[in-house]
Amino acid sequence: AFTLPELPFAKDGLAPHISAETLDYHHGKHHNAYVTNLNKLTEGKPEAGKSLEEVILAAEPGGVFNNAAQVWNHSFYWNCMSPNGGGDPEGGLLEAINRDFGDVATFKTEFKQAAMTQFGSGWAWLAIKDGKLEVTKTPNGENPLMHGMQPILGCDVWEHSYYIDFRNARPKYLESFIDNLVNWEYVEGMM
């Protein structure tokens, strides 16, 4: 069976940027519901023995895909944040960002723009395609794996990820995410 991963930080560890109340709902209710639904949809079927990535890449549009993708996306998202996050990347990630975007400021602007312009629910990503970093966005539960890309940073822009703390101010949530929460060590480790 697919399981709900523990958060890689205390429930109040991202405060004041993301509250424990948001994580109660986002992780404890939304993410957990995707896990529960995926298990119900795959019980007794071949998908139950596959990895999330295998299910995502093989599933037709619909319930199994939606829930598997959201389980994967959210599990990835939690790891992209840290109570000690934010600031600027270093090392090989910094070199790659400078190579592919010119500088960190340009990357951050492009990332926030992708997240802001994702109409409705979806995700913003930093991903690798053909050895190059790219900013992209996907609707609903889609992720870069489906497009032959390796995601290394993901930001949830579904309203449940920010509405309690930021109401409808997605730009403030994105500023807080990129400036205070990104776990750059994890992101670099995904390269």
Protein backbone atom coordinates (compact mmCIF):
# COMPACT_ATOMS: atom_id res chain seq x y z
CA ALA A 1 0.00 0.00 0.00
CA PHE A 2 1.04 3.58 -0.58
CA THR A 3 1.72 5.51 2.62
CA LEU A 4 1.64 9.11 3.81
CA PRO A 5 5.23 10.15 4.49
CA GLU A 6 6.07 11.97 7.68
CA LEU A 7 6.89 15.64 7.29
CA PRO A 8 10.69 16.21 7.25
CA PHE A 9 10.24 18.95 9.87
CA ALA A 10 8.05 19.63 12.92
CA LYS A 11 4.48 20.65 12.10
CA ASP A 12 5.24 24.17 13.35
CA GLY A 13 8.75 24.16 11.85
CA LEU A 14 7.93 26.40 8.88
CA ALA A 15 6.20 29.10 10.93
CA PRO A 16 5.71 31.98 10.52
CA HIS A 17 5.86 31.36 6.76
CA ILE A 18 3.59 28.31 6.72
CA SER A 19 1.57 27.65 9.86
CA ALA A 20 0.96 24.40 11.68
CA GLU A 21 -2.73 24.88 10.85
CA THR A 22 -1.95 24.93 7.13
CA LEU A 23 0.11 21.75 7.52
CA ASP A 24 -2.72 20.10 9.48
CA TYR A 25 -4.95 20.60 6.47
CA HIS A 26 -2.44 20.34 3.64
CA HIS A 27 -0.49 17.29 4.84
CA GLY A 28 -2.94 15.75 7.29
CA LYS A 29 -6.08 16.10 5.20
CA HIS A 30 -5.31 16.82 1.50
CA HIS A 31 -2.14 14.74 1.07
CA ASN A 32 -3.57 11.97 3.24
CA ALA A 33 -6.77 11.90 1.14
CA TYR A 34 -4.72 11.39 -2.04
CA VAL A 35 -2.93 8.43 -0.38
CA THR A 36 -6.22 6.93 0.85
CA ASN A 37 -7.90 7.37 -2.54
CA LEU A 38 -4.93 5.90 -4.41
CA ASN A 39 -4.94 2.83 -2.18
CA LYS A 40 -8.69 2.33 -2.75
CA LEU A 41 -8.30 2.74 -6.52
CA THR A 42 -5.35 0.34 -6.82
CA GLU A 43 -6.34 -2.31 -4.26
CA GLY A 44 -5.96 -5.75 -5.82
CA LYS A 45 -4.68 -4.29 -9.09
CA PRO A 46 -1.17 -4.45 -10.63
CA GLU A 47 -0.60 -0.75 -9.85
CA ALA A 48 -0.61 -1.55 -6.11
CA GLY A 49 2.81 -3.17 -6.47
CA LYS A 50 4.39 -0.41 -8.54
CA SER A 51 6.27 2.72 -7.54
CA LEU A 52 4.50 6.06 -7.71
CA GLU A 53 6.67 7.02 -10.68
CA GLU A 54 5.67 3.85 -12.55
CA VAL A 55 1.99 4.46 -11.83
CA ILE A 56 2.21 8.12 -12.92
CA LEU A 57 3.96 7.31 -16.19
CA ALA A 58 1.61 4.42 -17.09
CA ALA A 59 -1.78 5.67 -15.87
CA GLU A 60 -4.44 7.03 -18.16
CA PRO A 61 -5.96 10.40 -17.21
CA GLY A 62 -8.37 9.94 -14.32
CA GLY A 63 -8.51 8.94 -10.70
CA VAL A 64 -5.45 6.70 -10.44
CA PHE A 65 -3.24 9.20 -12.22
CA ASN A 66 -4.59 12.21 -10.31
CA ASN A 67 -4.10 10.65 -6.91
CA ALA A 68 -0.72 9.03 -7.66
CA ALA A 69 0.65 12.28 -9.09
CA GLN A 70 -0.58 14.29 -6.13
CA VAL A 71 0.92 11.81 -3.65
CA TRP A 72 4.27 12.09 -5.47
CA ASN A 73 4.10 15.87 -5.92
CA HIS A 74 3.27 16.55 -2.28
CA SER A 75 5.90 14.12 -0.95
CA PHE A 76 8.45 15.94 -3.11
CA TYR A 77 7.18 19.40 -2.09
CA TRP A 78 7.66 18.76 1.64
CA ASN A 79 11.31 17.87 1.05
CA CYS A 80 11.83 21.06 -0.96
CA MET A 81 11.28 23.10 2.22
CA SER A 82 13.19 23.44 5.47
CA PRO A 83 12.93 25.53 8.66
CA ASN A 84 16.50 26.59 7.80
CA GLY A 85 15.73 27.17 4.14
CA GLY A 86 15.75 30.22 1.95
CA GLY A 87 18.59 32.45 0.97
CA ASP A 88 20.47 31.54 -2.16
CA PRO A 89 21.74 28.23 -3.50
CA GLU A 90 25.43 27.38 -3.36
CA GLY A 91 27.91 25.01 -4.99
CA GLY A 92 27.02 23.11 -8.13
CA LEU A 93 23.40 24.26 -8.07
CA LEU A 94 24.49 27.90 -8.00
CA GLU A 95 26.83 27.27 -10.93
CA ALA A 96 24.03 25.58 -12.91
CA ILE A 97 21.58 28.41 -12.17
CA ASN A 98 24.14 31.02 -13.23
CA ARG A 99 24.87 29.03 -16.39
CA ASP A 100 21.22 28.53 -17.38
CA PHE A 101 19.54 31.71 -16.06
CA GLY A 102 22.38 34.24 -15.83
CA ASP A 103 22.01 34.74 -12.06
CA VAL A 104 19.93 33.71 -9.05
CA ALA A 105 17.73 36.81 -9.18
CA THR A 106 16.65 36.01 -12.75
CA PHE A 107 15.92 32.40 -11.80
CA LYS A 108 13.82 33.48 -8.80
CA THR A 109 11.88 35.95 -10.95
CA GLU A 110 11.17 33.29 -13.60
CA PHE A 111 10.16 30.73 -10.97
CA LYS A 112 7.75 33.10 -9.22
CA GLN A 113 6.35 34.20 -12.60
CA ALA A 114 5.66 30.58 -13.58
CA ALA A 115 3.93 30.00 -10.25
CA MET A 116 1.91 33.21 -10.54
CA THR A 117 0.75 32.54 -14.08
CA GLN A 118 -0.33 28.94 -13.47
CA PHE A 119 -4.05 29.50 -13.90
CA GLY A 120 -6.03 27.74 -11.20
CA SER A 121 -4.50 24.77 -9.45
CA GLY A 122 -1.09 23.39 -10.26
CA TRP A 123 2.63 23.51 -9.64
CA ALA A 124 5.77 25.48 -10.48
CA TRP A 125 8.99 23.53 -11.01
CA LEU A 126 12.70 23.79 -11.52
CA ALA A 127 13.61 20.76 -13.59
CA ILE A 128 16.42 19.33 -15.68
CA LYS A 129 15.91 18.58 -19.34
CA ASP A 130 18.77 17.52 -21.58
CA GLY A 131 21.29 18.59 -18.94
CA LYS A 132 19.88 22.11 -18.62
CA LEU A 133 17.83 23.70 -15.84
CA GLU A 134 14.39 24.95 -16.86
CA VAL A 135 11.51 26.59 -15.03
CA THR A 136 8.16 25.10 -15.94
CA LYS A 137 4.63 24.87 -14.60
CA THR A 138 1.99 22.17 -14.74
CA PRO A 139 -1.77 22.13 -14.15
CA ASN A 140 -3.53 20.05 -11.53
CA GLY A 141 -1.48 16.95 -10.65
CA GLU A 142 0.84 16.91 -13.64
CA ASN A 143 4.57 17.03 -13.01
CA PRO A 144 7.75 17.21 -15.11
CA LEU A 145 8.28 13.42 -15.03
CA MET A 146 5.49 13.14 -17.59
CA HIS A 147 7.38 15.44 -19.94
CA GLY A 148 10.76 13.69 -19.80
CA MET A 149 12.16 16.10 -17.22
CA GLN A 150 13.71 15.53 -13.78
CA PRO A 151 12.14 17.85 -11.19
CA ILE A 152 14.52 19.23 -8.58
CA LEU A 153 12.29 21.89 -6.95
CA GLY A 154 8.52 22.05 -6.77
CA CYS A 155 6.09 24.61 -5.39
CA ASP A 156 2.42 23.83 -4.84
CA VAL A 157 0.12 26.61 -6.03
CA TRP A 158 -3.16 24.89 -5.22
CA GLU A 159 -5.04 27.23 -2.88
CA HIS A 160 -4.93 24.73 -0.02
CA SER A 161 -1.16 25.29 0.16
CA TYR A 162 -1.47 28.94 1.15
CA TYR A 163 -5.05 30.10 1.71
CA ILE A 164 -5.08 29.85 5.54
CA ASP A 165 -1.87 31.88 5.89
CA PHE A 166 -2.04 34.20 2.88
CA ARG A 167 -5.71 34.13 1.84
CA ASN A 168 -5.77 34.87 -1.90
CA ALA A 169 -2.33 36.55 -1.96
CA ARG A 170 -0.43 33.94 -3.98
CA PRO A 171 2.45 36.41 -4.66
CA LYS A 172 3.14 36.77 -0.91
CA TYR A 173 3.14 32.99 -0.48
CA LEU A 174 5.60 32.63 -3.38
CA GLU A 175 7.91 35.33 -1.97
CA SER A 176 7.88 33.58 1.38
CA PHE A 177 8.50 30.18 -0.22
CA ILE A 178 11.47 31.21 -2.38
CA ASP A 179 13.03 33.67 0.10
CA ASN A 180 12.57 31.74 3.36
CA LEU A 181 11.75 28.07 2.86
CA VAL A 182 13.52 26.43 -0.08
CA ASN A 183 15.81 23.63 1.06
CA TRP A 184 18.62 24.30 -1.41
CA GLU A 185 20.67 21.33 -0.16
CA TYR A 186 17.82 18.98 -1.05
CA VAL A 187 17.34 20.66 -4.43
CA GLU A 188 21.05 20.30 -5.25
CA GLY A 189 20.93 16.66 -4.14
CA MET A 190 18.22 16.01 -6.74
CA MET A 191 20.52 17.10 -9.59
